Amino acid sequence: MAEQAQYEELARQLSAVGAVKRDLARILPASCPAGSAAVLALLDRHGDMRIGQLAELLAVDMSVTSRHVTHLAERGWIERSCDPADKRSRILRLTPAGRAVVDELSRRSSELLAERLSDWTDDEVGQLIGLMTRLRASFGDHRPGPRPVGVRATGPAPPPLEPTTRTPANT
């Protein structure tokens, strides 16, 4: 087991990840804030889903999720249609315009990461991906890991996630 000093240094390094997230947020178009980009990315990764499933994946309150969904629907990047299994519910799905935005966001973030990690080897990048995936799992985040590049989600919406202890106050 690691020593106390190692955990303290890990905590400092994890808090510095905010700088990486801020740089990634800076490359987003003004019309697509980080929360909206997260919604688009989740719909791209997991496919069509209900807003409740989306809120669970985002680990935020339903009202926050609803604001993001409204923002994206107003731009024509997602559509809301009746759920055939429950007419009171809506299914969210990317539109072709939304898919184009996802592709542009992916291109921008990949270019930034490639630039900033240009002195890293492929193995080092792979190790970082593996360790971050493992770290998320250790904290109870069991969302599916990365899909192969170029593979899009298809089929029905994912099953509901198991309840978590996250609340809007600690996300």
N, C-alpha and C. Protein backbone atom coordinates (compact mmCIF):
# COMPACT_ATOMS: atom_id res chain seq x y z
N MET A 1 0.85 -1.19 0.00
CA MET A 1 0.00 0.00 0.00
C MET A 1 0.89 1.24 0.00
N ALA A 2 0.43 2.27 -0.68
CA ALA A 2 1.20 3.51 -0.78
C ALA A 2 1.28 4.20 0.58
N GLU A 3 2.29 5.04 0.71
CA GLU A 3 2.47 5.79 1.95
C GLU A 3 1.64 7.07 1.92
N GLN A 4 1.43 7.65 3.10
CA GLN A 4 0.64 8.88 3.24
C GLN A 4 1.15 9.98 2.31
N ALA A 5 2.46 10.15 2.22
CA ALA A 5 3.03 11.21 1.37
C ALA A 5 2.66 11.00 -0.10
N GLN A 6 2.57 9.74 -0.52
CA GLN A 6 2.18 9.47 -1.91
C GLN A 6 0.72 9.87 -2.15
N TYR A 7 -0.14 9.56 -1.20
CA TYR A 7 -1.54 9.94 -1.36
C TYR A 7 -1.71 11.46 -1.35
N GLU A 8 -0.91 12.13 -0.53
CA GLU A 8 -0.96 13.60 -0.52
C GLU A 8 -0.52 14.16 -1.86
N GLU A 9 0.55 13.61 -2.43
CA GLU A 9 1.00 14.08 -3.74
C GLU A 9 -0.02 13.74 -4.82
N LEU A 10 -0.64 12.58 -4.74
CA LEU A 10 -1.68 12.21 -5.69
C LEU A 10 -2.83 13.21 -5.62
N ALA A 11 -3.23 13.59 -4.41
CA ALA A 11 -4.31 14.57 -4.26
C ALA A 11 -3.93 15.89 -4.91
N ARG A 12 -2.69 16.32 -4.75
CA ARG A 12 -2.23 17.57 -5.39
C ARG A 12 -2.27 17.44 -6.91
N GLN A 13 -1.83 16.31 -7.42
CA GLN A 13 -1.81 16.11 -8.87
C GLN A 13 -3.23 16.06 -9.44
N LEU A 14 -4.13 15.39 -8.71
CA LEU A 14 -5.52 15.32 -9.19
C LEU A 14 -6.17 16.70 -9.18
N SER A 15 -5.86 17.52 -8.20
CA SER A 15 -6.45 18.86 -8.20
C SER A 15 -5.93 19.68 -9.38
N ALA A 16 -4.74 19.38 -9.84
CA ALA A 16 -4.16 20.09 -10.99
C ALA A 16 -4.80 19.65 -12.31
N VAL A 17 -5.57 18.57 -12.31
CA VAL A 17 -6.24 18.13 -13.53
C VAL A 17 -7.22 19.21 -14.00
N GLY A 18 -7.64 20.06 -13.08
CA GLY A 18 -8.51 21.19 -13.45
C GLY A 18 -7.90 22.03 -14.56
N ALA A 19 -6.58 22.19 -14.58
CA ALA A 19 -5.92 22.96 -15.63
C ALA A 19 -6.10 22.30 -16.99
N VAL A 20 -6.05 20.98 -17.02
CA VAL A 20 -6.26 20.24 -18.26
C VAL A 20 -7.70 20.45 -18.73
N LYS A 21 -8.65 20.31 -17.80
CA LYS A 21 -10.06 20.49 -18.14
C LYS A 21 -10.33 21.91 -18.63
N ARG A 22 -9.70 22.91 -18.01
CA ARG A 22 -9.89 24.30 -18.45
C ARG A 22 -9.36 24.50 -19.87
N ASP A 23 -8.20 23.93 -20.18
CA ASP A 23 -7.67 24.05 -21.55
C ASP A 23 -8.60 23.37 -22.55
N LEU A 24 -9.13 22.22 -22.19
CA LEU A 24 -10.07 21.54 -23.08
C LEU A 24 -11.35 22.36 -23.25
N ALA A 25 -11.81 23.02 -22.20
CA ALA A 25 -13.01 23.85 -22.29
C ALA A 25 -12.77 25.08 -23.16
N ARG A 26 -11.55 25.60 -23.17
CA ARG A 26 -11.24 26.80 -23.96
C ARG A 26 -11.36 26.57 -25.46
N ILE A 27 -11.25 25.33 -25.90
CA ILE A 27 -11.32 25.07 -27.34
C ILE A 27 -12.75 24.85 -27.81
N LEU A 28 -13.70 24.86 -26.88
CA LEU A 28 -15.11 24.67 -27.26
C LEU A 28 -15.64 25.93 -27.93
N PRO A 29 -16.51 25.76 -28.93
CA PRO A 29 -17.14 26.94 -29.52
C PRO A 29 -18.04 27.63 -28.49
N ALA A 30 -18.21 28.92 -28.63
CA ALA A 30 -19.03 29.69 -27.68
C ALA A 30 -20.45 29.14 -27.59
N SER A 31 -20.95 28.58 -28.68
CA SER A 31 -22.32 28.06 -28.70
C SER A 31 -22.45 26.70 -28.03
N CYS A 32 -21.32 26.14 -27.56
CA CYS A 32 -21.36 24.80 -26.96
C CYS A 32 -20.54 24.78 -25.68
N PRO A 33 -21.14 25.23 -24.57
CA PRO A 33 -20.42 25.19 -23.29
C PRO A 33 -20.11 23.75 -22.86
N ALA A 34 -19.26 23.61 -21.87
CA ALA A 34 -18.77 22.30 -21.44
C ALA A 34 -19.91 21.33 -21.08
N GLY A 35 -20.94 21.80 -20.38
CA GLY A 35 -22.05 20.93 -20.02
C GLY A 35 -22.77 20.38 -21.24
N SER A 36 -22.96 21.23 -22.23
CA SER A 36 -23.61 20.80 -23.47
C SER A 36 -22.73 19.82 -24.23
N ALA A 37 -21.42 20.09 -24.23
CA ALA A 37 -20.49 19.17 -24.90
C ALA A 37 -20.52 17.80 -24.22
N ALA A 38 -20.65 17.79 -22.89
CA ALA A 38 -20.72 16.51 -22.16
C ALA A 38 -21.97 15.73 -22.55
N VAL A 39 -23.09 16.43 -22.71
CA VAL A 39 -24.33 15.76 -23.12
C VAL A 39 -24.16 15.16 -24.52
N LEU A 40 -23.61 15.93 -25.44
CA LEU A 40 -23.39 15.43 -26.80
C LEU A 40 -22.48 14.20 -26.78
N ALA A 41 -21.41 14.27 -26.00
CA ALA A 41 -20.47 13.15 -25.93
C ALA A 41 -21.14 11.90 -25.38
N LEU A 42 -21.98 12.06 -24.36
CA LEU A 42 -22.66 10.90 -23.78
C LEU A 42 -23.67 10.29 -24.75
N LEU A 43 -24.40 11.13 -25.47
CA LEU A 43 -25.33 10.60 -26.46
C LEU A 43 -24.57 9.89 -27.59
N ASP A 44 -23.42 10.43 -27.94
CA ASP A 44 -22.60 9.78 -28.97
C ASP A 44 -22.09 8.43 -28.47
N ARG A 45 -21.63 8.40 -27.24
CA ARG A 45 -21.04 7.17 -26.68
C ARG A 45 -22.09 6.10 -26.39
N HIS A 46 -23.23 6.50 -25.79
CA HIS A 46 -24.20 5.52 -25.30
C HIS A 46 -25.43 5.36 -26.18
N GLY A 47 -25.63 6.27 -27.12
CA GLY A 47 -26.81 6.18 -27.98
C GLY A 47 -28.01 6.87 -27.36
N ASP A 48 -29.16 6.67 -27.97
CA ASP A 48 -30.41 7.30 -27.54
C ASP A 48 -30.72 6.91 -26.10
N MET A 49 -31.28 7.87 -25.35
CA MET A 49 -31.62 7.58 -23.96
C MET A 49 -32.63 8.58 -23.44
N ARG A 50 -33.22 8.22 -22.30
CA ARG A 50 -34.13 9.12 -21.59
C ARG A 50 -33.31 10.15 -20.82
N ILE A 51 -33.96 11.26 -20.49
CA ILE A 51 -33.27 12.34 -19.77
C ILE A 51 -32.81 11.88 -18.38
N GLY A 52 -33.56 11.00 -17.74
CA GLY A 52 -33.15 10.49 -16.42
C GLY A 52 -31.84 9.71 -16.50
N GLN A 53 -31.70 8.91 -17.55
CA GLN A 53 -30.45 8.18 -17.73
C GLN A 53 -29.30 9.15 -17.97
N LEU A 54 -29.57 10.19 -18.74
CA LEU A 54 -28.55 11.20 -19.02
C LEU A 54 -28.14 11.91 -17.74
N ALA A 55 -29.10 12.29 -16.91
CA ALA A 55 -28.79 12.95 -15.64
C ALA A 55 -27.92 12.06 -14.76
N GLU A 56 -28.21 10.77 -14.76
CA GLU A 56 -27.42 9.82 -13.97
C GLU A 56 -25.99 9.74 -14.50
N LEU A 57 -25.83 9.67 -15.80
CA LEU A 57 -24.49 9.62 -16.39
C LEU A 57 -23.71 10.90 -16.13
N LEU A 58 -24.40 12.03 -16.16
CA LEU A 58 -23.75 13.31 -15.88
C LEU A 58 -23.50 13.50 -14.39
N ALA A 59 -24.22 12.75 -13.57
CA ALA A 59 -24.16 12.87 -12.11
C ALA A 59 -24.52 14.28 -11.66
N VAL A 60 -25.58 14.81 -12.28
CA VAL A 60 -26.09 16.13 -11.90
C VAL A 60 -27.61 16.04 -11.74
N ASP A 61 -28.18 17.09 -11.17
CA ASP A 61 -29.60 17.18 -10.94
C ASP A 61 -30.36 17.21 -12.28
N MET A 62 -31.59 16.71 -12.25
CA MET A 62 -32.42 16.67 -13.45
C MET A 62 -32.65 18.07 -14.03
N SER A 63 -32.76 19.10 -13.18
CA SER A 63 -32.99 20.46 -13.68
C SER A 63 -31.79 20.96 -14.48
N VAL A 64 -30.59 20.61 -14.05
CA VAL A 64 -29.37 20.99 -14.78
C VAL A 64 -29.35 20.28 -16.13
N THR A 65 -29.65 18.99 -16.11
CA THR A 65 -29.68 18.21 -17.34
C THR A 65 -30.72 18.78 -18.30
N SER A 66 -31.88 19.13 -17.79
CA SER A 66 -32.94 19.69 -18.63
C SER A 66 -32.49 20.98 -19.31
N ARG A 67 -31.77 21.83 -18.60
CA ARG A 67 -31.27 23.08 -19.22
C ARG A 67 -30.31 22.77 -20.37
N HIS A 68 -29.42 21.79 -20.16
CA HIS A 68 -28.50 21.41 -21.24
C HIS A 68 -29.27 20.86 -22.45
N VAL A 69 -30.24 20.02 -22.17
CA VAL A 69 -31.04 19.41 -23.25
C VAL A 69 -31.78 20.50 -24.03
N THR A 70 -32.37 21.44 -23.33
CA THR A 70 -33.08 22.54 -24.00
C THR A 70 -32.13 23.34 -24.88
N HIS A 71 -30.96 23.67 -24.36
CA HIS A 71 -29.95 24.42 -25.11
C HIS A 71 -29.60 23.68 -26.42
N LEU A 72 -29.38 22.38 -26.31
CA LEU A 72 -28.97 21.60 -27.48
C LEU A 72 -30.13 21.43 -28.47
N ALA A 73 -31.34 21.24 -27.96
CA ALA A 73 -32.50 21.08 -28.84
C ALA A 73 -32.78 22.37 -29.60
N GLU A 74 -32.61 23.51 -28.94
CA GLU A 74 -32.83 24.81 -29.61
C GLU A 74 -31.85 25.02 -30.76
N ARG A 75 -30.70 24.42 -30.69
CA ARG A 75 -29.71 24.54 -31.76
C ARG A 75 -29.87 23.45 -32.82
N GLY A 76 -30.77 22.53 -32.57
CA GLY A 76 -31.00 21.45 -33.54
C GLY A 76 -29.97 20.34 -33.47
N TRP A 77 -29.26 20.25 -32.35
CA TRP A 77 -28.20 19.24 -32.23
C TRP A 77 -28.70 17.94 -31.63
N ILE A 78 -29.84 18.00 -30.93
CA ILE A 78 -30.49 16.78 -30.45
C ILE A 78 -31.98 16.93 -30.71
N GLU A 79 -32.66 15.78 -30.74
CA GLU A 79 -34.11 15.81 -30.85
C GLU A 79 -34.69 15.00 -29.71
N ARG A 80 -35.89 15.40 -29.32
CA ARG A 80 -36.62 14.71 -28.27
C ARG A 80 -37.86 14.10 -28.92
N SER A 81 -38.00 12.79 -28.79
CA SER A 81 -39.18 12.13 -29.35
C SER A 81 -39.84 11.28 -28.28
N CYS A 82 -41.10 10.94 -28.52
CA CYS A 82 -41.84 10.12 -27.56
C CYS A 82 -41.20 8.74 -27.44
N ASP A 83 -41.13 8.28 -26.22
CA ASP A 83 -40.65 6.94 -25.94
C ASP A 83 -41.80 5.98 -26.24
N PRO A 84 -41.64 5.07 -27.21
CA PRO A 84 -42.73 4.15 -27.54
C PRO A 84 -43.16 3.28 -26.36
N ALA A 85 -42.24 3.03 -25.43
CA ALA A 85 -42.57 2.19 -24.27
C ALA A 85 -43.31 2.97 -23.19
N ASP A 86 -43.18 4.29 -23.18
CA ASP A 86 -43.82 5.12 -22.16
C ASP A 86 -44.06 6.49 -22.78
N LYS A 87 -45.26 6.73 -23.23
CA LYS A 87 -45.59 7.95 -23.97
C LYS A 87 -45.36 9.23 -23.17
N ARG A 88 -45.23 9.12 -21.84
CA ARG A 88 -44.97 10.31 -21.02
C ARG A 88 -43.50 10.71 -21.07
N SER A 89 -42.64 9.78 -21.47
CA SER A 89 -41.20 10.02 -21.48
C SER A 89 -40.72 10.41 -22.87
N ARG A 90 -39.58 11.04 -22.90
CA ARG A 90 -38.93 11.44 -24.16
C ARG A 90 -37.61 10.70 -24.31
N ILE A 91 -37.31 10.36 -25.54
CA ILE A 91 -36.02 9.78 -25.89
C ILE A 91 -35.20 10.87 -26.56
N LEU A 92 -33.96 11.01 -26.11
CA LEU A 92 -33.04 12.00 -26.68
C LEU A 92 -32.14 11.31 -27.69
N ARG A 93 -31.91 11.99 -28.81
CA ARG A 93 -31.00 11.42 -29.81
C ARG A 93 -30.29 12.54 -30.54
N LEU A 94 -29.07 12.24 -30.95
CA LEU A 94 -28.30 13.19 -31.75
C LEU A 94 -28.93 13.35 -33.12
N THR A 95 -28.92 14.56 -33.62
CA THR A 95 -29.31 14.81 -35.01
C THR A 95 -28.05 14.78 -35.86
N PRO A 96 -28.18 14.77 -37.18
CA PRO A 96 -26.98 14.87 -38.01
C PRO A 96 -26.15 16.13 -37.70
N ALA A 97 -26.83 17.23 -37.41
CA ALA A 97 -26.09 18.45 -37.04
C ALA A 97 -25.36 18.24 -35.72
N GLY A 98 -25.99 17.56 -34.77
CA GLY A 98 -25.34 17.26 -33.50
C GLY A 98 -24.16 16.34 -33.67
N ARG A 99 -24.29 15.36 -34.55
CA ARG A 99 -23.18 14.45 -34.83
C ARG A 99 -22.01 15.22 -35.41
N ALA A 100 -22.29 16.21 -36.27
CA ALA A 100 -21.22 17.04 -36.84
C ALA A 100 -20.51 17.84 -35.74
N VAL A 101 -21.27 18.33 -34.77
CA VAL A 101 -20.67 19.06 -33.65
C VAL A 101 -19.79 18.12 -32.83
N VAL A 102 -20.28 16.91 -32.55
CA VAL A 102 -19.50 15.92 -31.81
C VAL A 102 -18.19 15.65 -32.54
N ASP A 103 -18.27 15.47 -33.85
CA ASP A 103 -17.06 15.20 -34.63
C ASP A 103 -16.08 16.36 -34.55
N GLU A 104 -16.59 17.59 -34.60
CA GLU A 104 -15.72 18.77 -34.50
C GLU A 104 -15.10 18.87 -33.10
N LEU A 105 -15.88 18.64 -32.07
CA LEU A 105 -15.36 18.68 -30.71
C LEU A 105 -14.29 17.61 -30.50
N SER A 106 -14.53 16.43 -31.03
CA SER A 106 -13.57 15.34 -30.92
C SER A 106 -12.27 15.69 -31.65
N ARG A 107 -12.39 16.29 -32.83
CA ARG A 107 -11.21 16.69 -33.59
C ARG A 107 -10.41 17.72 -32.80
N ARG A 108 -11.09 18.72 -32.25
CA ARG A 108 -10.41 19.78 -31.50
C ARG A 108 -9.70 19.23 -30.27
N SER A 109 -10.39 18.39 -29.50
CA SER A 109 -9.77 17.88 -28.27
C SER A 109 -8.62 16.93 -28.61
N SER A 110 -8.78 16.12 -29.65
CA SER A 110 -7.69 15.23 -30.06
C SER A 110 -6.46 16.01 -30.49
N GLU A 111 -6.69 17.09 -31.22
CA GLU A 111 -5.56 17.93 -31.66
C GLU A 111 -4.86 18.57 -30.46
N LEU A 112 -5.63 19.07 -29.50
CA LEU A 112 -5.02 19.68 -28.32
C LEU A 112 -4.21 18.65 -27.53
N LEU A 113 -4.79 17.49 -27.30
CA LEU A 113 -4.09 16.45 -26.55
C LEU A 113 -2.84 15.99 -27.30
N ALA A 114 -2.94 15.83 -28.61
CA ALA A 114 -1.78 15.42 -29.40
C ALA A 114 -0.67 16.46 -29.30
N GLU A 115 -1.05 17.74 -29.31
CA GLU A 115 -0.07 18.81 -29.20
C GLU A 115 0.60 18.80 -27.82
N ARG A 116 -0.21 18.74 -26.77
CA ARG A 116 0.33 18.81 -25.42
C ARG A 116 1.08 17.55 -25.00
N LEU A 117 0.73 16.42 -25.58
CA LEU A 117 1.38 15.16 -25.22
C LEU A 117 2.33 14.68 -26.33
N SER A 118 2.81 15.60 -27.14
CA SER A 118 3.65 15.22 -28.29
C SER A 118 4.96 14.55 -27.86
N ASP A 119 5.42 14.80 -26.65
CA ASP A 119 6.65 14.17 -26.19
C ASP A 119 6.39 12.87 -25.41
N TRP A 120 5.14 12.41 -25.39
CA TRP A 120 4.79 11.16 -24.75
C TRP A 120 4.83 10.05 -25.80
N THR A 121 5.18 8.83 -25.38
CA THR A 121 5.13 7.69 -26.28
C THR A 121 3.69 7.16 -26.34
N ASP A 122 3.40 6.36 -27.34
CA ASP A 122 2.09 5.72 -27.44
C ASP A 122 1.83 4.86 -26.19
N ASP A 123 2.87 4.17 -25.72
CA ASP A 123 2.71 3.34 -24.52
C ASP A 123 2.36 4.18 -23.30
N GLU A 124 2.99 5.36 -23.16
CA GLU A 124 2.69 6.22 -22.02
C GLU A 124 1.24 6.72 -22.06
N VAL A 125 0.78 7.09 -23.24
CA VAL A 125 -0.61 7.52 -23.38
C VAL A 125 -1.54 6.36 -23.03
N GLY A 126 -1.22 5.18 -23.51
CA GLY A 126 -2.02 3.99 -23.19
C GLY A 126 -2.03 3.69 -21.70
N GLN A 127 -0.88 3.85 -21.05
CA GLN A 127 -0.81 3.63 -19.61
C GLN A 127 -1.69 4.64 -18.86
N LEU A 128 -1.65 5.90 -19.30
CA LEU A 128 -2.47 6.92 -18.66
C LEU A 128 -3.95 6.58 -18.80
N ILE A 129 -4.36 6.18 -19.98
CA ILE A 129 -5.76 5.78 -20.20
C ILE A 129 -6.14 4.64 -19.27
N GLY A 130 -5.30 3.63 -19.19
CA GLY A 130 -5.58 2.49 -18.33
C GLY A 130 -5.65 2.86 -16.87
N LEU A 131 -4.72 3.69 -16.42
CA LEU A 131 -4.72 4.09 -15.01
C LEU A 131 -5.90 4.99 -14.68
N MET A 132 -6.28 5.88 -15.58
CA MET A 132 -7.43 6.75 -15.31
C MET A 132 -8.72 5.93 -15.30
N THR A 133 -8.83 4.95 -16.19
CA THR A 133 -10.00 4.06 -16.20
C THR A 133 -10.08 3.30 -14.88
N ARG A 134 -8.95 2.82 -14.42
CA ARG A 134 -8.91 2.08 -13.16
C ARG A 134 -9.25 3.00 -11.98
N LEU A 135 -8.74 4.23 -12.00
CA LEU A 135 -9.04 5.18 -10.93
C LEU A 135 -10.54 5.46 -10.86
N ARG A 136 -11.16 5.69 -12.02
CA ARG A 136 -12.60 5.93 -12.05
C ARG A 136 -13.35 4.74 -11.45
N ALA A 137 -12.95 3.55 -11.82
CA ALA A 137 -13.61 2.34 -11.31
C ALA A 137 -13.44 2.23 -9.80
N SER A 138 -12.27 2.62 -9.29
CA SER A 138 -12.04 2.57 -7.84
C SER A 138 -12.96 3.53 -7.09
N PHE A 139 -13.43 4.56 -7.77
CA PHE A 139 -14.34 5.52 -7.15
C PHE A 139 -15.79 5.21 -7.47
N GLY A 140 -16.03 4.04 -8.04
CA GLY A 140 -17.40 3.61 -8.28
C GLY A 140 -17.99 4.06 -9.60
N ASP A 141 -17.18 4.62 -10.48
CA ASP A 141 -17.66 5.05 -11.79
C ASP A 141 -17.49 3.87 -12.74
N HIS A 142 -18.57 3.17 -13.00
CA HIS A 142 -18.51 1.96 -13.81
C HIS A 142 -19.09 2.15 -15.21
N ARG A 143 -19.05 3.39 -15.67
CA ARG A 143 -19.49 3.62 -17.04
C ARG A 143 -18.53 2.88 -17.96
N PRO A 144 -19.03 2.46 -19.11
CA PRO A 144 -18.15 1.75 -20.03
C PRO A 144 -16.91 2.57 -20.37
N GLY A 145 -15.82 1.90 -20.54
CA GLY A 145 -14.57 2.54 -20.92
C GLY A 145 -14.58 2.97 -22.37
N PRO A 146 -13.42 3.32 -22.88
CA PRO A 146 -13.36 3.83 -24.25
C PRO A 146 -13.76 2.78 -25.28
N ARG A 147 -14.45 3.24 -26.32
CA ARG A 147 -14.75 2.40 -27.47
C ARG A 147 -13.63 2.59 -28.47
N PRO A 148 -13.43 1.63 -29.36
CA PRO A 148 -12.43 1.83 -30.40
C PRO A 148 -12.73 3.08 -31.20
N VAL A 149 -11.70 3.75 -31.67
CA VAL A 149 -11.86 4.97 -32.45
C VAL A 149 -12.75 4.72 -33.65
N GLY A 150 -13.68 5.63 -33.87
CA GLY A 150 -14.56 5.54 -35.04
C GLY A 150 -15.81 4.69 -34.83
N VAL A 151 -15.95 4.02 -33.68
CA VAL A 151 -17.11 3.18 -33.42
C VAL A 151 -18.15 4.02 -32.70
N ARG A 152 -19.35 4.06 -33.24
CA ARG A 152 -20.44 4.84 -32.65
C ARG A 152 -21.41 3.91 -31.94
N ALA A 153 -22.10 4.47 -30.97
CA ALA A 153 -23.13 3.71 -30.26
C ALA A 153 -24.29 3.45 -31.21
N THR A 154 -24.86 2.27 -31.10
CA THR A 154 -26.05 1.92 -31.87
C THR A 154 -26.97 1.14 -30.96
N GLY A 155 -28.18 0.99 -31.39
CA GLY A 155 -29.10 0.17 -30.63
C GLY A 155 -29.83 0.96 -29.57
N PRO A 156 -30.51 0.23 -28.68
CA PRO A 156 -31.34 0.88 -27.66
C PRO A 156 -30.52 1.60 -26.62
N ALA A 157 -31.20 2.42 -25.87
CA ALA A 157 -30.55 3.17 -24.79
C ALA A 157 -29.99 2.20 -23.76
N PRO A 158 -28.95 2.60 -23.05
CA PRO A 158 -28.36 1.72 -22.04
C PRO A 158 -29.33 1.51 -20.89
N PRO A 159 -29.16 0.41 -20.16
CA PRO A 159 -30.04 0.19 -19.00
C PRO A 159 -29.75 1.24 -17.94
N PRO A 160 -30.70 1.47 -17.05
CA PRO A 160 -30.46 2.44 -15.98
C PRO A 160 -29.25 2.04 -15.16
N LEU A 161 -28.52 3.04 -14.68
CA LEU A 161 -27.36 2.78 -13.85
C LEU A 161 -27.81 2.45 -12.44
N GLU A 162 -26.93 1.77 -11.71
CA GLU A 162 -27.21 1.52 -10.31
C GLU A 162 -27.18 2.84 -9.58
N PRO A 163 -27.98 2.98 -8.53
CA PRO A 163 -27.97 4.24 -7.78
C PRO A 163 -26.57 4.53 -7.24
N THR A 164 -26.24 5.82 -7.21
CA THR A 164 -24.96 6.24 -6.65
C THR A 164 -25.22 7.12 -5.45
N THR A 165 -24.15 7.43 -4.78
CA THR A 165 -24.28 8.32 -3.62
C THR A 165 -23.98 9.77 -4.01
N ARG A 166 -23.77 10.04 -5.28
CA ARG A 166 -23.48 11.39 -5.71
C ARG A 166 -24.72 12.26 -5.58
N THR A 167 -24.50 13.49 -5.21
CA THR A 167 -25.56 14.48 -5.18
C THR A 167 -25.06 15.71 -5.91
N PRO A 168 -25.94 16.60 -6.33
CA PRO A 168 -25.46 17.79 -7.03
C PRO A 168 -24.42 18.57 -6.22
N ALA A 169 -24.47 18.48 -4.91
CA ALA A 169 -23.55 19.25 -4.08
C ALA A 169 -22.13 18.70 -4.13
N ASN A 170 -21.97 17.40 -4.42
CA ASN A 170 -20.61 16.85 -4.40
C ASN A 170 -20.14 16.35 -5.76
N THR A 171 -20.69 16.85 -6.83
CA THR A 171 -20.24 16.46 -8.15
C THR A 171 -19.22 17.42 -8.67
